[in-house]
Amino acid sequence: MRFLLATFLMIAAGPLLANDWDALDQPGAFAIMRHALAPGVGDPDDFDVEDCATQRNLDDAGRAQARAIGQAFRERGHDFDVVLSSRWCRCLDTARLLDLGPVVEAPEFNSFFRDYDARDGRTEAALDRLRDTEGRPFVVTHQVNISALTGQGTRSGEVLVVRRDGDGLAVLGSILIRP
C-alpha cells in the first residue's frame, strides 16, 4: 500500500516539478510551446492551411488550457514582445487565447509532420527568424518543430523555456499547466 501511495505521489508531483518558472529569469530566456490540446494526430487528407474546417483544432479543453497558460504567465509578470505562431489554426488560436502579446504568423514554425523532408530547411528558417526577432518572443508551434529545435519532445500545451545556444536552442526548463 505504501508503495502504491508513493508511486501515486511521484506521478502526481511530476507536473508540479516541471514548472520551471525561474528559468524564465535567465538571460536570453524565452518560451516555445506546443499548441494546446487538439484531439487527434496530424491533419485530415483534405488539409488546407487557409481553412480551419479542414484542420485538427483546439477543443474546449484546449481553449481552456491556452487561457490558463496565458493567465499563469501574466500572473507571474512574464512579458513577451511578440507571439510568433505557426499558421495552423490550432497554433494561431492558442497564441491568441494566451493573450501575451501581438500575434504574428510565422510560417517558419509551420508543421512538417506530413513533409519530413522539409525538417532541416524549416528548422534553419525558424532559427534564423529567432535570431532576427527583436525583444523576447513566445513561440507557438508543433511537437515535430520543437523536437527538431531542441531535441526534446513536448505534450500538448507544454512550454519549454529555452535560449539561443550556438546553432540551436538550449532547454532551460519546462512548464506544463493542465486545463
Protein backbone atom coordinates (compact mmCIF):
# COMPACT_ATOMS: atom_id res chain seq x y z
CA MET A 1 0.00 0.00 0.00
CA ARG A 2 2.83 2.42 0.86
CA PHE A 3 4.48 1.63 -2.44
CA LEU A 4 1.28 2.48 -4.34
CA LEU A 5 0.86 5.72 -2.40
CA ALA A 6 4.50 6.71 -3.00
CA THR A 7 4.17 5.89 -6.71
CA PHE A 8 0.96 7.94 -6.97
CA LEU A 9 2.57 10.93 -5.24
CA MET A 10 5.60 10.80 -7.56
CA ILE A 11 3.38 10.69 -10.65
CA ALA A 12 1.08 13.44 -9.38
CA ALA A 13 4.00 15.67 -8.44
CA GLY A 14 5.61 15.38 -11.89
CA PRO A 15 3.73 18.29 -13.49
CA LEU A 16 4.29 20.41 -10.39
CA LEU A 17 8.02 19.77 -10.50
CA ALA A 18 8.10 20.53 -14.22
CA ASN A 19 7.05 24.16 -13.72
CA ASP A 20 10.42 25.86 -14.01
CA TRP A 21 9.25 29.47 -13.79
CA ASP A 22 12.66 30.62 -12.52
CA ALA A 23 14.25 29.51 -15.79
CA LEU A 24 12.50 32.46 -17.47
CA ASP A 25 14.65 34.81 -15.38
CA GLN A 26 17.86 33.60 -17.02
CA PRO A 27 19.48 35.95 -19.56
CA GLY A 28 18.15 35.36 -23.07
CA ALA A 29 15.37 33.01 -21.93
CA PHE A 30 12.13 32.83 -23.89
CA ALA A 31 9.27 30.37 -24.36
CA ILE A 32 8.42 27.87 -27.09
CA MET A 33 5.16 25.98 -26.74
CA ARG A 34 3.38 23.09 -28.38
CA HIS A 35 -0.16 24.22 -29.18
CA ALA A 36 -2.87 23.48 -26.61
CA LEU A 37 -4.99 20.32 -26.67
CA ALA A 38 -6.33 19.46 -30.12
CA PRO A 39 -7.68 15.88 -30.28
CA GLY A 40 -6.20 13.52 -32.84
CA VAL A 41 -2.90 13.21 -34.68
CA GLY A 42 -1.79 15.10 -37.77
CA ASP A 43 -4.37 16.63 -40.07
CA PRO A 44 -7.06 15.24 -42.39
CA ASP A 45 -6.20 14.41 -46.00
CA ASP A 46 -8.08 17.50 -47.21
CA PHE A 47 -5.96 19.80 -45.00
CA ASP A 48 -5.80 23.42 -46.17
CA VAL A 49 -3.82 25.92 -44.06
CA GLU A 50 -6.29 28.64 -45.12
CA ASP A 51 -9.38 26.69 -43.96
CA CYS A 52 -9.72 25.82 -40.26
CA ALA A 53 -12.60 23.44 -41.07
CA THR A 54 -10.06 21.12 -42.76
CA GLN A 55 -7.71 21.03 -39.77
CA ARG A 56 -7.42 19.42 -36.36
CA ASN A 57 -8.46 22.20 -33.99
CA LEU A 58 -8.50 23.02 -30.29
CA ASP A 59 -11.36 21.53 -28.32
CA ASP A 60 -12.98 23.15 -25.26
CA ALA A 61 -10.26 21.74 -23.02
CA GLY A 62 -7.57 23.11 -25.34
CA ARG A 63 -9.11 26.58 -25.35
CA ALA A 64 -9.33 26.49 -21.55
CA GLN A 65 -5.74 25.27 -21.35
CA ALA A 66 -4.47 28.13 -23.58
CA ARG A 67 -6.30 30.73 -21.48
CA ALA A 68 -4.96 29.21 -18.23
CA ILE A 69 -1.38 29.19 -19.55
CA GLY A 70 -1.60 32.83 -20.58
CA GLN A 71 -3.09 33.77 -17.21
CA ALA A 72 -0.31 31.94 -15.34
CA PHE A 73 2.36 33.84 -17.29
CA ARG A 74 0.62 37.18 -16.73
CA GLU A 75 0.14 36.50 -13.01
CA ARG A 76 3.87 35.86 -12.69
CA GLY A 77 4.72 39.05 -14.60
CA HIS A 78 6.40 37.40 -17.59
CA ASP A 79 6.23 39.73 -20.58
CA PHE A 80 6.82 38.96 -24.24
CA ASP A 81 7.31 41.40 -27.10
CA VAL A 82 5.77 39.17 -29.75
CA VAL A 83 4.00 35.82 -30.03
CA LEU A 84 5.25 34.01 -33.13
CA SER A 85 2.86 31.32 -34.34
CA SER A 86 2.64 28.60 -36.91
CA ARG A 87 -0.11 29.35 -39.44
CA TRP A 88 -2.08 26.22 -38.39
CA CYS A 89 -5.39 27.24 -36.78
CA ARG A 90 -4.71 25.30 -33.56
CA CYS A 91 -1.49 27.29 -33.09
CA LEU A 92 -2.99 30.66 -34.01
CA ASP A 93 -5.97 30.05 -31.72
CA THR A 94 -3.61 29.04 -28.89
CA ALA A 95 -1.47 32.15 -29.49
CA ARG A 96 -4.47 34.48 -29.43
CA LEU A 97 -6.03 32.85 -26.35
CA LEU A 98 -2.75 33.16 -24.44
CA ASP A 99 -3.17 36.95 -24.70
CA LEU A 100 0.55 37.52 -24.08
CA GLY A 101 1.32 39.98 -26.86
CA PRO A 102 0.80 40.71 -30.53
CA VAL A 103 0.44 37.51 -32.55
CA VAL A 104 2.48 37.27 -35.75
CA GLU A 105 2.08 34.44 -38.23
CA ALA A 106 5.48 32.82 -38.70
CA PRO A 107 5.47 30.13 -41.42
CA GLU A 108 8.95 29.09 -40.28
CA PHE A 109 7.16 27.36 -37.40
CA ASN A 110 4.62 25.54 -39.60
CA SER A 111 4.50 21.79 -39.06
CA PHE A 112 6.46 19.44 -41.30
CA PHE A 113 4.71 16.34 -39.89
CA ARG A 114 3.48 15.35 -43.38
CA ASP A 115 6.63 16.53 -45.16
CA TYR A 116 9.60 15.35 -43.13
CA ASP A 117 11.96 16.32 -45.95
CA ALA A 118 11.20 19.95 -45.01
CA ARG A 119 12.60 19.40 -41.48
CA ASP A 120 16.12 20.79 -41.93
CA GLY A 121 15.08 23.81 -44.01
CA ARG A 122 12.19 24.68 -41.72
CA THR A 123 14.35 24.30 -38.61
CA GLU A 124 17.10 26.55 -40.02
CA ALA A 125 14.48 29.12 -41.09
CA ALA A 126 12.99 29.06 -37.56
CA LEU A 127 16.41 29.62 -36.00
CA ASP A 128 17.04 32.49 -38.44
CA ARG A 129 13.68 34.02 -37.52
CA LEU A 130 14.55 33.80 -33.82
CA ARG A 131 17.95 35.42 -34.46
CA ASP A 132 16.25 38.25 -36.34
CA THR A 133 13.46 38.80 -33.80
CA GLU A 134 13.91 41.81 -31.58
CA GLY A 135 12.83 41.54 -27.97
CA ARG A 136 11.56 38.49 -26.16
CA PRO A 137 9.45 36.07 -28.22
CA PHE A 138 6.91 33.47 -27.19
CA VAL A 139 6.61 30.80 -29.90
CA VAL A 140 3.58 28.56 -30.52
CA THR A 141 4.30 25.64 -32.83
CA HIS A 142 4.12 21.85 -33.19
CA GLN A 143 5.79 18.90 -31.48
CA VAL A 144 7.87 17.98 -34.56
CA ASN A 145 9.25 21.52 -34.79
CA ILE A 146 10.08 21.69 -31.09
CA SER A 147 11.82 18.31 -31.25
CA ALA A 148 13.90 19.45 -34.23
CA LEU A 149 14.83 22.72 -32.50
CA THR A 150 15.56 21.33 -29.03
CA GLY A 151 15.94 17.55 -29.27
CA GLN A 152 13.12 17.25 -26.76
CA GLY A 153 9.50 16.16 -27.14
CA THR A 154 6.58 18.03 -25.59
CA ARG A 155 3.00 17.39 -24.57
CA SER A 156 0.11 19.50 -25.81
CA GLY A 157 0.26 22.84 -24.05
CA GLU A 158 3.75 22.25 -22.67
CA VAL A 159 6.04 25.28 -22.69
CA LEU A 160 9.79 24.86 -22.89
CA VAL A 161 11.92 27.66 -21.55
CA VAL A 162 14.85 27.99 -23.94
CA ARG A 163 17.58 30.33 -25.07
CA ARG A 164 19.64 30.56 -28.21
CA ASP A 165 22.79 28.49 -27.90
CA GLY A 166 25.23 28.33 -30.80
CA ASP A 167 23.38 26.83 -33.75
CA GLY A 168 20.33 25.74 -31.76
CA LEU A 169 18.27 26.16 -28.64
CA ALA A 170 19.21 25.05 -25.14
CA VAL A 171 16.35 23.88 -22.91
CA LEU A 172 16.43 25.59 -19.52
CA GLY A 173 13.17 24.23 -18.12
CA SER A 174 9.60 23.17 -18.75
CA ILE A 175 6.18 24.47 -17.74
CA LEU A 176 3.02 22.40 -18.03
CA ILE A 177 -0.36 23.74 -17.00
CA ARG A 178 -3.27 21.38 -17.36
CA PRO A 179 -6.70 22.77 -18.30
